[in-house]
Protein backbone atom coordinates (compact mmCIF):
# COMPACT_ATOMS: atom_id res chain seq x y z
CA UNK A 1 0.00 0.00 0.00
CA UNK A 2 1.33 3.40 -0.96
CA UNK A 3 1.74 5.94 1.84
CA UNK A 4 -0.85 8.67 1.32
CA UNK A 5 0.09 11.02 4.16
CA UNK A 6 2.01 13.56 2.15
CA UNK A 7 2.44 16.50 4.48
CA UNK A 8 2.58 17.39 8.13
CA UNK A 9 1.81 21.07 8.60
CA UNK A 10 4.14 22.90 10.93
CA UNK A 11 4.66 26.53 11.84
CA UNK A 12 5.90 27.33 8.34
CA UNK A 13 2.42 26.48 7.01
CA UNK A 14 0.49 28.73 9.35
CA UNK A 15 -1.08 32.14 9.03
CA UNK A 16 -2.59 34.68 11.41
CA UNK A 17 -6.36 34.47 11.69
CA UNK A 18 -8.59 35.94 14.40
CA UNK A 19 -5.52 36.92 16.41
CA UNK A 20 -3.78 33.53 16.46
CA UNK A 21 -1.67 31.27 14.28
CA UNK A 22 -3.62 28.52 12.53
CA UNK A 23 -2.76 25.82 10.01
CA UNK A 24 -3.28 27.08 6.48
CA UNK A 25 -3.95 24.34 3.93
CA UNK A 26 -3.37 26.82 1.11
CA UNK A 27 0.37 26.27 1.67
CA UNK A 28 -0.08 22.81 0.13
CA UNK A 29 -0.65 24.41 -3.30
CA UNK A 30 -3.27 21.87 -4.32
CA UNK A 31 -7.01 21.64 -4.87
CA UNK A 32 -8.44 21.63 -1.35
CA UNK A 33 -11.34 19.43 -2.51
CA UNK A 34 -8.92 16.50 -2.31
CA UNK A 35 -7.31 17.42 1.03
CA UNK A 36 -8.26 15.97 4.40
CA UNK A 37 -6.77 17.34 7.59
CA UNK A 38 -6.88 15.36 10.83
CA UNK A 39 -6.50 17.27 14.07
CA UNK A 40 -7.72 17.26 17.65
CA UNK A 41 -8.40 21.01 17.85
CA UNK A 42 -10.94 22.64 15.55
CA UNK A 43 -9.30 25.99 16.27
CA UNK A 44 -6.17 24.83 14.42
CA UNK A 45 -8.06 24.81 11.10
CA UNK A 46 -10.51 27.71 11.41
CA UNK A 47 -10.19 28.59 7.72
CA UNK A 48 -10.61 24.99 6.52
CA UNK A 49 -13.35 23.38 8.62
CA UNK A 50 -14.72 21.51 5.58
CA UNK A 51 -11.41 19.64 5.30
CA UNK A 52 -11.18 18.71 8.97
CA UNK A 53 -11.70 15.34 10.60
CA UNK A 54 -11.80 16.17 14.28
CA UNK A 55 -10.53 13.47 16.62
CA UNK A 56 -10.06 13.53 20.38
CA UNK A 57 -6.44 13.85 21.53
CA UNK A 58 -4.49 10.58 21.42
CA UNK A 59 -4.10 9.28 24.95
CA UNK A 60 -1.34 6.74 24.23
CA UNK A 61 -3.37 3.74 25.32
CA UNK A 62 -3.94 0.66 23.16
CA UNK A 63 -7.65 1.14 23.75
CA UNK A 64 -7.51 4.48 21.93
CA UNK A 65 -8.84 3.46 18.52
CA UNK A 66 -10.17 6.77 17.21
CA UNK A 67 -7.67 6.98 14.35
CA UNK A 68 -8.12 3.32 13.44
CA UNK A 69 -11.87 3.86 13.34
CA UNK A 70 -11.59 6.33 10.44
CA UNK A 71 -9.34 4.10 8.30
CA UNK A 72 -12.29 2.55 6.39
CA UNK A 73 -13.51 6.05 5.52
CA UNK A 74 -10.04 7.13 4.38
CA UNK A 75 -9.59 3.98 2.28
CA UNK A 76 -12.95 4.58 0.65
CA UNK A 77 -12.00 8.15 -0.12
CA UNK A 78 -8.64 7.37 -1.75
CA UNK A 79 -8.79 3.82 -3.12
PDB file of N, CA and C in Angstrom:
ATOM      1  N   UNK A   1       0.840  -1.174   0.000  1.00  0.00           N
ATOM      2  CA  UNK A   1       0.000   0.000   0.000  1.00  0.00           C
ATOM      3  C   UNK A   1       0.890   1.244   0.000  1.00  0.00           C
ATOM      4  N   UNK A   2       0.568   2.162  -0.853  1.00  0.00           N
ATOM      5  CA  UNK A   2       1.334   3.396  -0.956  1.00  0.00           C
ATOM      6  C   UNK A   2       0.968   4.339   0.189  1.00  0.00           C
ATOM      7  N   UNK A   3       1.966   4.991   0.748  1.00  0.00           N
ATOM      8  CA  UNK A   3       1.743   5.939   1.836  1.00  0.00           C
ATOM      9  C   UNK A   3       1.050   7.177   1.279  1.00  0.00           C
ATOM     10  N   UNK A   4      -0.084   7.537   1.825  1.00  0.00           N
ATOM     11  CA  UNK A   4      -0.851   8.671   1.324  1.00  0.00           C
ATOM     12  C   UNK A   4      -0.739   9.915   2.181  1.00  0.00           C
ATOM     13  N   UNK A   5      -0.103   9.822   3.340  1.00  0.00           N
ATOM     14  CA  UNK A   5       0.087  11.021   4.156  1.00  0.00           C
ATOM     15  C   UNK A   5       1.278  11.762   3.567  1.00  0.00           C
ATOM     16  N   UNK A   6       0.976  12.848   2.901  1.00  0.00           N
ATOM     17  CA  UNK A   6       2.008  13.557   2.152  1.00  0.00           C
ATOM     18  C   UNK A   6       2.657  14.693   2.918  1.00  0.00           C
ATOM     19  N   UNK A   7       1.922  15.314   3.819  1.00  0.00           N
ATOM     20  CA  UNK A   7       2.440  16.501   4.484  1.00  0.00           C
ATOM     21  C   UNK A   7       2.020  16.536   5.943  1.00  0.00           C
ATOM     22  N   UNK A   8       2.901  17.041   6.763  1.00  0.00           N
ATOM     23  CA  UNK A   8       2.576  17.392   8.134  1.00  0.00           C
ATOM     24  C   UNK A   8       2.779  18.892   8.215  1.00  0.00           C
ATOM     25  N   UNK A   9       1.732  19.611   8.580  1.00  0.00           N
ATOM     26  CA  UNK A   9       1.810  21.066   8.599  1.00  0.00           C
ATOM     27  C   UNK A   9       2.415  21.555   9.904  1.00  0.00           C
ATOM     28  N   UNK A  10       3.484  22.300   9.778  1.00  0.00           N
ATOM     29  CA  UNK A  10       4.141  22.897  10.935  1.00  0.00           C
ATOM     30  C   UNK A  10       3.960  24.398  10.932  1.00  0.00           C
ATOM     31  N   UNK A  11       4.771  25.072  11.716  1.00  0.00           N
ATOM     32  CA  UNK A  11       4.656  26.534  11.845  1.00  0.00           C
ATOM     33  C   UNK A  11       4.846  27.249  10.511  1.00  0.00           C
ATOM     34  N   UNK A  12       5.657  26.670   9.624  1.00  0.00           N
ATOM     35  CA  UNK A  12       5.902  27.328   8.338  1.00  0.00           C
ATOM     36  C   UNK A  12       4.659  27.345   7.451  1.00  0.00           C
ATOM     37  N   UNK A  13       3.662  26.537   7.780  1.00  0.00           N
ATOM     38  CA  UNK A  13       2.422  26.484   7.008  1.00  0.00           C
ATOM     39  C   UNK A  13       1.262  27.044   7.832  1.00  0.00           C
ATOM     40  N   UNK A  14       1.543  28.116   8.545  1.00  0.00           N
ATOM     41  CA  UNK A  14       0.489  28.732   9.346  1.00  0.00           C
ATOM     42  C   UNK A  14       0.324  30.187   8.938  1.00  0.00           C
ATOM     43  N   UNK A  15      -0.822  30.721   9.282  1.00  0.00           N
ATOM     44  CA  UNK A  15      -1.077  32.136   9.030  1.00  0.00           C
ATOM     45  C   UNK A  15      -1.850  32.699  10.214  1.00  0.00           C
ATOM     46  N   UNK A  16      -1.859  34.014  10.331  1.00  0.00           N
ATOM     47  CA  UNK A  16      -2.592  34.677  11.412  1.00  0.00           C
ATOM     48  C   UNK A  16      -4.056  34.776  11.014  1.00  0.00           C
ATOM     49  N   UNK A  17      -4.925  34.403  11.934  1.00  0.00           N
ATOM     50  CA  UNK A  17      -6.365  34.474  11.692  1.00  0.00           C
ATOM     51  C   UNK A  17      -7.043  34.657  13.042  1.00  0.00           C
ATOM     52  N   UNK A  18      -7.885  35.633  13.145  1.00  0.00           N
ATOM     53  CA  UNK A  18      -8.589  35.936  14.399  1.00  0.00           C
ATOM     54  C   UNK A  18      -7.630  36.049  15.586  1.00  0.00           C
ATOM     55  N   UNK A  19      -6.464  36.653  15.341  1.00  0.00           N
ATOM     56  CA  UNK A  19      -5.522  36.917  16.415  1.00  0.00           C
ATOM     57  C   UNK A  19      -4.654  35.753  16.846  1.00  0.00           C
ATOM     58  N   UNK A  20      -4.629  34.669  16.078  1.00  0.00           N
ATOM     59  CA  UNK A  20      -3.780  33.529  16.456  1.00  0.00           C
ATOM     60  C   UNK A  20      -3.248  32.841  15.206  1.00  0.00           C
ATOM     61  N   UNK A  21      -2.208  32.044  15.385  1.00  0.00           N
ATOM     62  CA  UNK A  21      -1.670  31.266  14.279  1.00  0.00           C
ATOM     63  C   UNK A  21      -2.506  30.008  14.099  1.00  0.00           C
ATOM     64  N   UNK A  22      -2.878  29.736  12.848  1.00  0.00           N
ATOM     65  CA  UNK A  22      -3.621  28.517  12.530  1.00  0.00           C
ATOM     66  C   UNK A  22      -2.981  27.840  11.331  1.00  0.00           C
ATOM     67  N   UNK A  23      -3.259  26.561  11.168  1.00  0.00           N
ATOM     68  CA  UNK A  23      -2.758  25.822  10.007  1.00  0.00           C
ATOM     69  C   UNK A  23      -3.482  26.316   8.768  1.00  0.00           C
ATOM     70  N   UNK A  24      -2.725  26.549   7.714  1.00  0.00           N
ATOM     71  CA  UNK A  24      -3.282  27.082   6.479  1.00  0.00           C
ATOM     72  C   UNK A  24      -3.044  26.082   5.353  1.00  0.00           C
ATOM     73  N   UNK A  25      -4.079  25.372   4.966  1.00  0.00           N
ATOM     74  CA  UNK A  25      -3.949  24.343   3.929  1.00  0.00           C
ATOM     75  C   UNK A  25      -3.588  24.915   2.567  1.00  0.00           C
ATOM     76  N   UNK A  26      -3.750  26.206   2.382  1.00  0.00           N
ATOM     77  CA  UNK A  26      -3.372  26.816   1.108  1.00  0.00           C
ATOM     78  C   UNK A  26      -1.880  26.675   0.827  1.00  0.00           C
ATOM     79  N   UNK A  27      -1.073  26.469   1.857  1.00  0.00           N
ATOM     80  CA  UNK A  27       0.366  26.271   1.670  1.00  0.00           C
ATOM     81  C   UNK A  27       0.675  24.966   0.938  1.00  0.00           C
ATOM     82  N   UNK A  28      -0.299  24.072   0.840  1.00  0.00           N
ATOM     83  CA  UNK A  28      -0.077  22.815   0.129  1.00  0.00           C
ATOM     84  C   UNK A  28      -0.082  22.992  -1.385  1.00  0.00           C
ATOM     85  N   UNK A  29      -0.592  24.123  -1.860  1.00  0.00           N
ATOM     86  CA  UNK A  29      -0.650  24.410  -3.300  1.00  0.00           C
ATOM     87  C   UNK A  29      -1.338  23.306  -4.085  1.00  0.00           C
ATOM     88  N   UNK A  30      -2.487  22.880  -3.609  1.00  0.00           N
ATOM     89  CA  UNK A  30      -3.272  21.868  -4.323  1.00  0.00           C
ATOM     90  C   UNK A  30      -4.749  22.153  -4.139  1.00  0.00           C
ATOM     91  N   UNK A  31      -5.559  21.488  -4.947  1.00  0.00           N
ATOM     92  CA  UNK A  31      -7.006  21.639  -4.870  1.00  0.00           C
ATOM     93  C   UNK A  31      -7.475  21.135  -3.513  1.00  0.00           C
ATOM     94  N   UNK A  32      -8.050  21.995  -2.711  1.00  0.00           N
ATOM     95  CA  UNK A  32      -8.437  21.625  -1.350  1.00  0.00           C
ATOM     96  C   UNK A  32      -9.626  20.663  -1.314  1.00  0.00           C
ATOM     97  N   UNK A  33     -10.266  20.431  -2.450  1.00  0.00           N
ATOM     98  CA  UNK A  33     -11.342  19.434  -2.507  1.00  0.00           C
ATOM     99  C   UNK A  33     -10.803  18.029  -2.267  1.00  0.00           C
ATOM    100  N   UNK A  34      -9.516  17.831  -2.484  1.00  0.00           N
ATOM    101  CA  UNK A  34      -8.918  16.500  -2.313  1.00  0.00           C
ATOM    102  C   UNK A  34      -8.014  16.427  -1.085  1.00  0.00           C
ATOM    103  N   UNK A  35      -8.155  17.382  -0.162  1.00  0.00           N
ATOM    104  CA  UNK A  35      -7.309  17.424   1.032  1.00  0.00           C
ATOM    105  C   UNK A  35      -8.152  17.137   2.268  1.00  0.00           C
ATOM    106  N   UNK A  36      -7.653  16.242   3.101  1.00  0.00           N
ATOM    107  CA  UNK A  36      -8.258  15.965   4.398  1.00  0.00           C
ATOM    108  C   UNK A  36      -7.222  16.282   5.461  1.00  0.00           C
ATOM    109  N   UNK A  37      -7.644  17.027   6.466  1.00  0.00           N
ATOM    110  CA  UNK A  37      -6.772  17.345   7.595  1.00  0.00           C
ATOM    111  C   UNK A  37      -7.333  16.671   8.834  1.00  0.00           C
ATOM    112  N   UNK A  38      -6.472  16.025   9.592  1.00  0.00           N
ATOM    113  CA  UNK A  38      -6.875  15.356  10.828  1.00  0.00           C
ATOM    114  C   UNK A  38      -6.210  16.097  11.985  1.00  0.00           C
ATOM    115  N   UNK A  39      -7.023  16.511  12.933  1.00  0.00           N
ATOM    116  CA  UNK A  39      -6.503  17.265  14.073  1.00  0.00           C
ATOM    117  C   UNK A  39      -7.396  17.020  15.271  1.00  0.00           C
ATOM    118  N   UNK A  40      -6.914  17.407  16.446  1.00  0.00           N
ATOM    119  CA  UNK A  40      -7.722  17.258  17.648  1.00  0.00           C
ATOM    120  C   UNK A  40      -8.229  18.596  18.173  1.00  0.00           C
ATOM    121  N   UNK A  41      -7.910  19.681  17.449  1.00  0.00           N
ATOM    122  CA  UNK A  41      -8.400  21.008  17.845  1.00  0.00           C
ATOM    123  C   UNK A  41      -8.986  21.712  16.622  1.00  0.00           C
ATOM    124  N   UNK A  42     -10.284  21.952  16.654  1.00  0.00           N
ATOM    125  CA  UNK A  42     -10.942  22.639  15.548  1.00  0.00           C
ATOM    126  C   UNK A  42     -10.333  24.017  15.309  1.00  0.00           C
ATOM    127  N   UNK A  43      -9.873  24.649  16.377  1.00  0.00           N
ATOM    128  CA  UNK A  43      -9.297  25.989  16.273  1.00  0.00           C
ATOM    129  C   UNK A  43      -8.041  26.014  15.404  1.00  0.00           C
ATOM    130  N   UNK A  44      -7.378  24.877  15.237  1.00  0.00           N
ATOM    131  CA  UNK A  44      -6.167  24.826  14.416  1.00  0.00           C
ATOM    132  C   UNK A  44      -6.455  24.974  12.930  1.00  0.00           C
ATOM    133  N   UNK A  45      -7.701  24.743  12.522  1.00  0.00           N
ATOM    134  CA  UNK A  45      -8.061  24.814  11.102  1.00  0.00           C
ATOM    135  C   UNK A  45      -9.297  25.680  10.894  1.00  0.00           C
ATOM    136  N   UNK A  46      -9.334  26.847  11.496  1.00  0.00           N
ATOM    137  CA  UNK A  46     -10.507  27.709  11.413  1.00  0.00           C
ATOM    138  C   UNK A  46     -10.888  28.069   9.981  1.00  0.00           C
ATOM    139  N   UNK A  47      -9.914  28.213   9.106  1.00  0.00           N
ATOM    140  CA  UNK A  47     -10.193  28.591   7.721  1.00  0.00           C
ATOM    141  C   UNK A  47     -10.554  27.404   6.832  1.00  0.00           C
ATOM    142  N   UNK A  48     -10.422  26.181   7.351  1.00  0.00           N
ATOM    143  CA  UNK A  48     -10.611  24.990   6.517  1.00  0.00           C
ATOM    144  C   UNK A  48     -11.440  23.924   7.236  1.00  0.00           C
ATOM    145  N   UNK A  49     -12.536  24.323   7.847  1.00  0.00           N
ATOM    146  CA  UNK A  49     -13.354  23.382   8.623  1.00  0.00           C
ATOM    147  C   UNK A  49     -13.934  22.268   7.760  1.00  0.00           C
ATOM    148  N   UNK A  50     -14.171  22.544   6.473  1.00  0.00           N
ATOM    149  CA  UNK A  50     -14.722  21.513   5.577  1.00  0.00           C
ATOM    150  C   UNK A  50     -13.726  20.386   5.324  1.00  0.00           C
ATOM    151  N   UNK A  51     -12.456  20.639   5.540  1.00  0.00           N
ATOM    152  CA  UNK A  51     -11.414  19.643   5.300  1.00  0.00           C
ATOM    153  C   UNK A  51     -11.040  18.869   6.562  1.00  0.00           C
ATOM    154  N   UNK A  52     -11.619  19.218   7.679  1.00  0.00           N
ATOM    155  CA  UNK A  52     -11.183  18.706   8.969  1.00  0.00           C
ATOM    156  C   UNK A  52     -11.935  17.449   9.399  1.00  0.00           C
ATOM    157  N   UNK A  53     -11.170  16.460   9.829  1.00  0.00           N
ATOM    158  CA  UNK A  53     -11.697  15.344  10.598  1.00  0.00           C
ATOM    159  C   UNK A  53     -11.203  15.578  12.010  1.00  0.00           C
ATOM    160  N   UNK A  54     -12.135  15.824  12.900  1.00  0.00           N
ATOM    161  CA  UNK A  54     -11.802  16.165  14.281  1.00  0.00           C
ATOM    162  C   UNK A  54     -11.806  14.895  15.130  1.00  0.00           C
ATOM    163  N   UNK A  55     -10.662  14.615  15.736  1.00  0.00           N
ATOM    164  CA  UNK A  55     -10.531  13.467  16.621  1.00  0.00           C
ATOM    165  C   UNK A  55     -10.180  13.948  18.021  1.00  0.00           C
ATOM    166  N   UNK A  56     -10.520  13.163  19.034  1.00  0.00           N
ATOM    167  CA  UNK A  56     -10.064  13.526  20.378  1.00  0.00           C
ATOM    168  C   UNK A  56      -8.549  13.342  20.469  1.00  0.00           C
ATOM    169  N   UNK A  57      -7.891  14.008  21.390  1.00  0.00           N
ATOM    170  CA  UNK A  57      -6.438  13.847  21.531  1.00  0.00           C
ATOM    171  C   UNK A  57      -6.074  12.387  21.802  1.00  0.00           C
ATOM    172  N   UNK A  58      -4.977  11.942  21.206  1.00  0.00           N
ATOM    173  CA  UNK A  58      -4.492  10.582  21.422  1.00  0.00           C
ATOM    174  C   UNK A  58      -4.011  10.455  22.859  1.00  0.00           C
ATOM    175  N   UNK A  59      -4.470   9.418  23.540  1.00  0.00           N
ATOM    176  CA  UNK A  59      -4.101   9.278  24.951  1.00  0.00           C
ATOM    177  C   UNK A  59      -2.964   8.286  25.177  1.00  0.00           C
ATOM    178  N   UNK A  60      -2.481   7.640  24.109  1.00  0.00           N
ATOM    179  CA  UNK A  60      -1.344   6.741  24.225  1.00  0.00           C
ATOM    180  C   UNK A  60      -1.690   5.324  24.628  1.00  0.00           C
ATOM    181  N   UNK A  61      -2.948   5.075  24.895  1.00  0.00           N
ATOM    182  CA  UNK A  61      -3.370   3.743  25.319  1.00  0.00           C
ATOM    183  C   UNK A  61      -3.745   2.884  24.119  1.00  0.00           C
ATOM    184  N   UNK A  62      -3.552   1.575  24.237  1.00  0.00           N
ATOM    185  CA  UNK A  62      -3.942   0.655  23.163  1.00  0.00           C
ATOM    186  C   UNK A  62      -5.447   0.689  22.908  1.00  0.00           C
ATOM    187  N   UNK A  63      -6.197   1.075  23.905  1.00  0.00           N
ATOM    188  CA  UNK A  63      -7.648   1.140  23.746  1.00  0.00           C
ATOM    189  C   UNK A  63      -8.096   2.378  22.982  1.00  0.00           C
ATOM    190  N   UNK A  64      -7.186   3.285  22.707  1.00  0.00           N
ATOM    191  CA  UNK A  64      -7.511   4.483  21.931  1.00  0.00           C
ATOM    192  C   UNK A  64      -7.522   4.096  20.458  1.00  0.00           C
ATOM    193  N   UNK A  65      -8.702   3.941  19.898  1.00  0.00           N
ATOM    194  CA  UNK A  65      -8.840   3.461  18.518  1.00  0.00           C
ATOM    195  C   UNK A  65      -9.453   4.498  17.591  1.00  0.00           C
ATOM    196  N   UNK A  66      -9.507   5.744  18.013  1.00  0.00           N
ATOM    197  CA  UNK A  66     -10.166   6.774  17.210  1.00  0.00           C
ATOM    198  C   UNK A  66      -9.593   6.867  15.798  1.00  0.00           C
ATOM    199  N   UNK A  67      -8.265   6.879  15.683  1.00  0.00           N
ATOM    200  CA  UNK A  67      -7.670   6.979  14.346  1.00  0.00           C
ATOM    201  C   UNK A  67      -7.958   5.721  13.535  1.00  0.00           C
ATOM    202  N   UNK A  68      -7.818   4.573  14.155  1.00  0.00           N
ATOM    203  CA  UNK A  68      -8.120   3.318  13.438  1.00  0.00           C
ATOM    204  C   UNK A  68      -9.564   3.278  12.967  1.00  0.00           C
ATOM    205  N   UNK A  69     -10.456   3.882  13.710  1.00  0.00           N
ATOM    206  CA  UNK A  69     -11.873   3.865  13.345  1.00  0.00           C
ATOM    207  C   UNK A  69     -12.169   4.623  12.054  1.00  0.00           C
ATOM    208  N   UNK A  70     -11.331   5.574  11.675  1.00  0.00           N
ATOM    209  CA  UNK A  70     -11.589   6.329  10.437  1.00  0.00           C
ATOM    210  C   UNK A  70     -10.871   5.741   9.234  1.00  0.00           C
ATOM    211  N   UNK A  71     -10.070   4.704   9.426  1.00  0.00           N
ATOM    212  CA  UNK A  71      -9.339   4.095   8.305  1.00  0.00           C
ATOM    213  C   UNK A  71     -10.277   3.622   7.198  1.00  0.00           C
ATOM    214  N   UNK A  72     -11.386   2.952   7.488  1.00  0.00           N
ATOM    215  CA  UNK A  72     -12.291   2.551   6.391  1.00  0.00           C
ATOM    216  C   UNK A  72     -12.776   3.742   5.570  1.00  0.00           C
ATOM    217  N   UNK A  73     -13.082   4.852   6.245  1.00  0.00           N
ATOM    218  CA  UNK A  73     -13.506   6.053   5.520  1.00  0.00           C
ATOM    219  C   UNK A  73     -12.387   6.568   4.619  1.00  0.00           C
ATOM    220  N   UNK A  74     -11.170   6.628   5.160  1.00  0.00           N
ATOM    221  CA  UNK A  74     -10.041   7.127   4.382  1.00  0.00           C
ATOM    222  C   UNK A  74      -9.745   6.218   3.197  1.00  0.00           C
ATOM    223  N   UNK A  75      -9.802   4.923   3.394  1.00  0.00           N
ATOM    224  CA  UNK A  75      -9.586   3.982   2.280  1.00  0.00           C
ATOM    225  C   UNK A  75     -10.640   4.171   1.205  1.00  0.00           C
ATOM    226  N   UNK A  76     -11.880   4.354   1.619  1.00  0.00           N
ATOM    227  CA  UNK A  76     -12.954   4.584   0.652  1.00  0.00           C
ATOM    228  C   UNK A  76     -12.794   5.862  -0.115  1.00  0.00           C
ATOM    229  N   UNK A  77     -12.191   6.846   0.506  1.00  0.00           N
ATOM    230  CA  UNK A  77     -11.998   8.148  -0.118  1.00  0.00           C
ATOM    231  C   UNK A  77     -10.867   8.136  -1.151  1.00  0.00           C
ATOM    232  N   UNK A  78      -9.852   7.315  -0.919  1.00  0.00           N
ATOM    233  CA  UNK A  78      -8.643   7.374  -1.753  1.00  0.00           C
ATOM    234  C   UNK A  78      -8.350   6.124  -2.561  1.00  0.00           C
ATOM    235  N   UNK A  79      -9.086   5.049  -2.374  1.00  0.00           N
ATOM    236  CA  UNK A  79      -8.786   3.824  -3.117  1.00  0.00           C
ATOM    237  C   UNK A  79      -9.980   3.385  -3.920  1.00  0.00           C
TER     238      UNK A  79
END
